[in-house]
Amino acid sequence: MFASLFKASIHVLHVIPKESAKKIDVKKTVASLIKQTNYPDISLHISKSDHITDEVDAFVVNQKADLLTMFTHKLDFYEKLLAEV
C-alpha cells in the first residue's frame, strides 16, 4: 500500500446531504477498511452538508492533507465498500 511507504495516516471523508437519515456505523466501517487493506492507520470522518466541494476544501485545510484522492460511482462510498463484506 502506498501509505505504508510513508507511514501515512489515511483519513476518509464521506459527505452526506444535511437532510439524510442515513446512519453509518463508523467503528464497523473503519474495522472493515482496516481488514480489507491490512493497514491500521485509517480514520473515517462523516460530514453532513449540501456543499460537497466546500466540505472537501475545509477538510483538506483542517487536516493539513498532503495528498487528496477522490472518486465517484453510481453507488455511494459505503454501498461500494460494504458490497464485498
N, C-alpha and C. Protein backbone atom coordinates (compact mmCIF):
# COMPACT_ATOMS: atom_id res chain seq x y z
N MET A 1 0.84 -1.18 0.00
CA MET A 1 0.00 0.00 0.00
C MET A 1 0.88 1.25 0.00
N PHE A 2 0.50 2.20 -0.79
CA PHE A 2 1.26 3.44 -0.94
C PHE A 2 1.48 4.15 0.40
N ALA A 3 0.46 4.19 1.23
CA ALA A 3 0.55 4.89 2.52
C ALA A 3 1.61 4.28 3.43
N SER A 4 1.80 2.99 3.36
CA SER A 4 2.77 2.34 4.25
C SER A 4 4.20 2.76 3.95
N LEU A 5 4.49 3.14 2.73
CA LEU A 5 5.83 3.60 2.38
C LEU A 5 6.23 4.84 3.17
N PHE A 6 5.24 5.65 3.52
CA PHE A 6 5.49 6.91 4.22
C PHE A 6 4.94 6.91 5.65
N LYS A 7 4.43 5.75 6.08
CA LYS A 7 3.78 5.64 7.40
C LYS A 7 2.72 6.73 7.56
N ALA A 8 1.94 6.89 6.51
CA ALA A 8 0.93 7.95 6.44
C ALA A 8 -0.37 7.54 7.12
N SER A 9 -1.06 8.53 7.62
CA SER A 9 -2.41 8.33 8.13
C SER A 9 -3.38 8.50 6.96
N ILE A 10 -4.38 7.65 6.92
CA ILE A 10 -5.40 7.75 5.88
C ILE A 10 -6.67 8.26 6.54
N HIS A 11 -7.16 9.38 6.04
CA HIS A 11 -8.40 9.98 6.53
C HIS A 11 -9.43 9.88 5.42
N VAL A 12 -10.51 9.17 5.68
CA VAL A 12 -11.58 9.01 4.71
C VAL A 12 -12.70 9.98 5.08
N LEU A 13 -13.08 10.81 4.14
CA LEU A 13 -14.18 11.76 4.35
C LEU A 13 -15.36 11.32 3.52
N HIS A 14 -16.50 11.23 4.16
CA HIS A 14 -17.74 10.93 3.44
C HIS A 14 -18.72 12.05 3.72
N VAL A 15 -19.14 12.74 2.68
CA VAL A 15 -20.08 13.86 2.82
C VAL A 15 -21.46 13.37 2.39
N ILE A 16 -22.42 13.54 3.30
CA ILE A 16 -23.79 13.15 3.00
C ILE A 16 -24.69 14.38 3.11
N PRO A 17 -25.80 14.39 2.40
CA PRO A 17 -26.70 15.55 2.44
C PRO A 17 -27.19 15.83 3.87
N LYS A 18 -27.40 17.10 4.18
CA LYS A 18 -27.83 17.52 5.51
C LYS A 18 -29.11 16.81 5.96
N GLU A 19 -30.02 16.63 5.07
CA GLU A 19 -31.33 16.04 5.42
C GLU A 19 -31.32 14.52 5.38
N SER A 20 -30.18 13.91 5.12
CA SER A 20 -30.10 12.46 5.04
C SER A 20 -30.35 11.82 6.40
N ALA A 21 -31.11 10.74 6.38
CA ALA A 21 -31.38 9.98 7.60
C ALA A 21 -30.42 8.79 7.72
N LYS A 22 -29.50 8.70 6.77
CA LYS A 22 -28.57 7.58 6.74
C LYS A 22 -27.72 7.53 8.01
N LYS A 23 -27.66 6.36 8.61
CA LYS A 23 -26.83 6.14 9.79
C LYS A 23 -25.64 5.28 9.37
N ILE A 24 -24.46 5.70 9.76
CA ILE A 24 -23.24 4.97 9.40
C ILE A 24 -22.55 4.52 10.68
N ASP A 25 -22.28 3.24 10.76
CA ASP A 25 -21.55 2.69 11.91
C ASP A 25 -20.06 2.91 11.64
N VAL A 26 -19.53 3.98 12.21
CA VAL A 26 -18.15 4.38 11.93
C VAL A 26 -17.17 3.29 12.36
N LYS A 27 -17.34 2.76 13.57
CA LYS A 27 -16.41 1.74 14.06
C LYS A 27 -16.39 0.51 13.17
N LYS A 28 -17.57 0.06 12.76
CA LYS A 28 -17.67 -1.12 11.89
C LYS A 28 -17.04 -0.84 10.53
N THR A 29 -17.30 0.33 9.99
CA THR A 29 -16.75 0.68 8.68
C THR A 29 -15.23 0.79 8.73
N VAL A 30 -14.69 1.42 9.77
CA VAL A 30 -13.24 1.54 9.91
C VAL A 30 -12.62 0.15 10.07
N ALA A 31 -13.24 -0.69 10.88
CA ALA A 31 -12.73 -2.06 11.06
C ALA A 31 -12.70 -2.81 9.74
N SER A 32 -13.73 -2.62 8.94
CA SER A 32 -13.78 -3.26 7.62
C SER A 32 -12.68 -2.74 6.70
N LEU A 33 -12.48 -1.42 6.71
CA LEU A 33 -11.40 -0.84 5.89
C LEU A 33 -10.03 -1.37 6.30
N ILE A 34 -9.80 -1.44 7.60
CA ILE A 34 -8.51 -1.93 8.11
C ILE A 34 -8.32 -3.39 7.71
N LYS A 35 -9.37 -4.18 7.83
CA LYS A 35 -9.28 -5.60 7.46
C LYS A 35 -9.01 -5.76 5.97
N GLN A 36 -9.70 -4.98 5.15
CA GLN A 36 -9.56 -5.09 3.69
C GLN A 36 -8.19 -4.64 3.21
N THR A 37 -7.64 -3.64 3.85
CA THR A 37 -6.38 -3.06 3.38
C THR A 37 -5.16 -3.58 4.14
N ASN A 38 -5.42 -4.18 5.31
CA ASN A 38 -4.34 -4.63 6.19
C ASN A 38 -3.42 -3.45 6.55
N TYR A 39 -4.05 -2.31 6.77
CA TYR A 39 -3.33 -1.09 7.14
C TYR A 39 -4.06 -0.46 8.31
N PRO A 40 -3.39 -0.27 9.45
CA PRO A 40 -4.09 0.11 10.68
C PRO A 40 -4.40 1.60 10.87
N ASP A 41 -3.75 2.48 10.16
CA ASP A 41 -3.88 3.91 10.45
C ASP A 41 -4.92 4.58 9.55
N ILE A 42 -6.18 4.18 9.75
CA ILE A 42 -7.28 4.70 8.94
C ILE A 42 -8.33 5.30 9.87
N SER A 43 -8.81 6.47 9.52
CA SER A 43 -9.91 7.07 10.27
C SER A 43 -10.98 7.52 9.30
N LEU A 44 -12.20 7.56 9.79
CA LEU A 44 -13.35 7.91 8.96
C LEU A 44 -14.00 9.16 9.54
N HIS A 45 -14.30 10.10 8.67
CA HIS A 45 -14.94 11.35 9.05
C HIS A 45 -16.23 11.49 8.24
N ILE A 46 -17.33 11.72 8.95
CA ILE A 46 -18.62 11.90 8.30
C ILE A 46 -19.00 13.37 8.43
N SER A 47 -19.41 13.94 7.32
CA SER A 47 -19.83 15.35 7.32
C SER A 47 -21.18 15.46 6.63
N LYS A 48 -22.10 16.16 7.26
CA LYS A 48 -23.40 16.41 6.64
C LYS A 48 -23.39 17.81 6.05
N SER A 49 -23.51 17.87 4.74
CA SER A 49 -23.51 19.15 4.05
C SER A 49 -24.09 18.98 2.65
N ASP A 50 -24.68 20.03 2.16
CA ASP A 50 -25.18 20.03 0.78
C ASP A 50 -24.15 20.64 -0.18
N HIS A 51 -23.00 21.03 0.35
CA HIS A 51 -21.95 21.66 -0.45
C HIS A 51 -20.67 20.82 -0.35
N ILE A 52 -20.60 19.81 -1.19
CA ILE A 52 -19.50 18.84 -1.12
C ILE A 52 -18.15 19.50 -1.32
N THR A 53 -18.02 20.35 -2.31
CA THR A 53 -16.71 20.96 -2.57
C THR A 53 -16.22 21.80 -1.40
N ASP A 54 -17.14 22.53 -0.78
CA ASP A 54 -16.75 23.33 0.38
C ASP A 54 -16.28 22.44 1.53
N GLU A 55 -16.97 21.33 1.74
CA GLU A 55 -16.60 20.39 2.81
C GLU A 55 -15.24 19.76 2.55
N VAL A 56 -15.01 19.37 1.31
CA VAL A 56 -13.72 18.77 0.97
C VAL A 56 -12.60 19.78 1.15
N ASP A 57 -12.81 21.00 0.65
CA ASP A 57 -11.80 22.05 0.81
C ASP A 57 -11.48 22.30 2.28
N ALA A 58 -12.50 22.44 3.11
CA ALA A 58 -12.29 22.69 4.54
C ALA A 58 -11.59 21.51 5.20
N PHE A 59 -11.95 20.31 4.82
CA PHE A 59 -11.33 19.11 5.40
C PHE A 59 -9.84 19.05 5.07
N VAL A 60 -9.50 19.32 3.83
CA VAL A 60 -8.10 19.30 3.41
C VAL A 60 -7.29 20.33 4.19
N VAL A 61 -7.85 21.52 4.36
CA VAL A 61 -7.16 22.57 5.11
C VAL A 61 -7.02 22.18 6.58
N ASN A 62 -8.10 21.72 7.19
CA ASN A 62 -8.08 21.37 8.61
C ASN A 62 -7.16 20.19 8.91
N GLN A 63 -7.10 19.22 8.02
CA GLN A 63 -6.26 18.04 8.23
C GLN A 63 -4.82 18.27 7.77
N LYS A 64 -4.59 19.40 7.09
CA LYS A 64 -3.28 19.68 6.52
C LYS A 64 -2.83 18.52 5.63
N ALA A 65 -3.74 18.11 4.76
CA ALA A 65 -3.51 16.95 3.90
C ALA A 65 -2.43 17.23 2.87
N ASP A 66 -1.60 16.24 2.65
CA ASP A 66 -0.56 16.33 1.63
C ASP A 66 -1.02 15.74 0.30
N LEU A 67 -2.02 14.90 0.34
CA LEU A 67 -2.49 14.23 -0.87
C LEU A 67 -3.99 14.04 -0.76
N LEU A 68 -4.69 14.27 -1.86
CA LEU A 68 -6.14 14.09 -1.90
C LEU A 68 -6.46 13.18 -3.08
N THR A 69 -7.25 12.16 -2.83
CA THR A 69 -7.78 11.32 -3.91
C THR A 69 -9.29 11.34 -3.79
N MET A 70 -9.95 11.29 -4.93
CA MET A 70 -11.41 11.34 -4.94
C MET A 70 -11.93 10.36 -5.96
N PHE A 71 -13.16 9.92 -5.73
CA PHE A 71 -13.80 9.08 -6.72
C PHE A 71 -15.31 9.24 -6.60
N THR A 72 -16.01 8.92 -7.69
CA THR A 72 -17.47 8.91 -7.69
C THR A 72 -17.92 7.64 -8.39
N HIS A 73 -19.04 7.18 -7.98
CA HIS A 73 -19.65 5.99 -8.58
C HIS A 73 -21.16 6.17 -8.51
N LYS A 74 -21.85 5.33 -9.24
CA LYS A 74 -23.30 5.36 -9.11
C LYS A 74 -23.71 4.94 -7.71
N LEU A 75 -23.00 3.97 -7.15
CA LEU A 75 -23.23 3.59 -5.76
C LEU A 75 -22.44 4.54 -4.88
N ASP A 76 -22.96 4.86 -3.70
CA ASP A 76 -22.18 5.72 -2.82
C ASP A 76 -21.03 4.94 -2.19
N PHE A 77 -20.16 5.64 -1.53
CA PHE A 77 -18.93 5.06 -0.97
C PHE A 77 -19.21 3.82 -0.13
N TYR A 78 -20.16 3.90 0.78
CA TYR A 78 -20.41 2.79 1.69
C TYR A 78 -21.10 1.62 1.01
N GLU A 79 -21.94 1.89 0.03
CA GLU A 79 -22.56 0.80 -0.72
C GLU A 79 -21.49 0.00 -1.45
N LYS A 80 -20.55 0.70 -2.08
CA LYS A 80 -19.45 0.00 -2.77
C LYS A 80 -18.56 -0.72 -1.77
N LEU A 81 -18.23 -0.06 -0.68
CA LEU A 81 -17.35 -0.63 0.32
C LEU A 81 -17.97 -1.87 0.95
N LEU A 82 -19.21 -1.81 1.33
CA LEU A 82 -19.86 -2.91 2.04
C LEU A 82 -20.40 -3.99 1.12
N ALA A 83 -20.36 -3.77 -0.17
CA ALA A 83 -20.84 -4.78 -1.12
C ALA A 83 -19.98 -6.03 -1.07
N GLU A 84 -18.73 -5.90 -0.67
CA GLU A 84 -17.82 -7.04 -0.62
C GLU A 84 -17.78 -7.69 0.74
N VAL A 85 -18.42 -7.09 1.73
CA VAL A 85 -18.36 -7.61 3.10
C VAL A 85 -19.40 -8.67 3.31
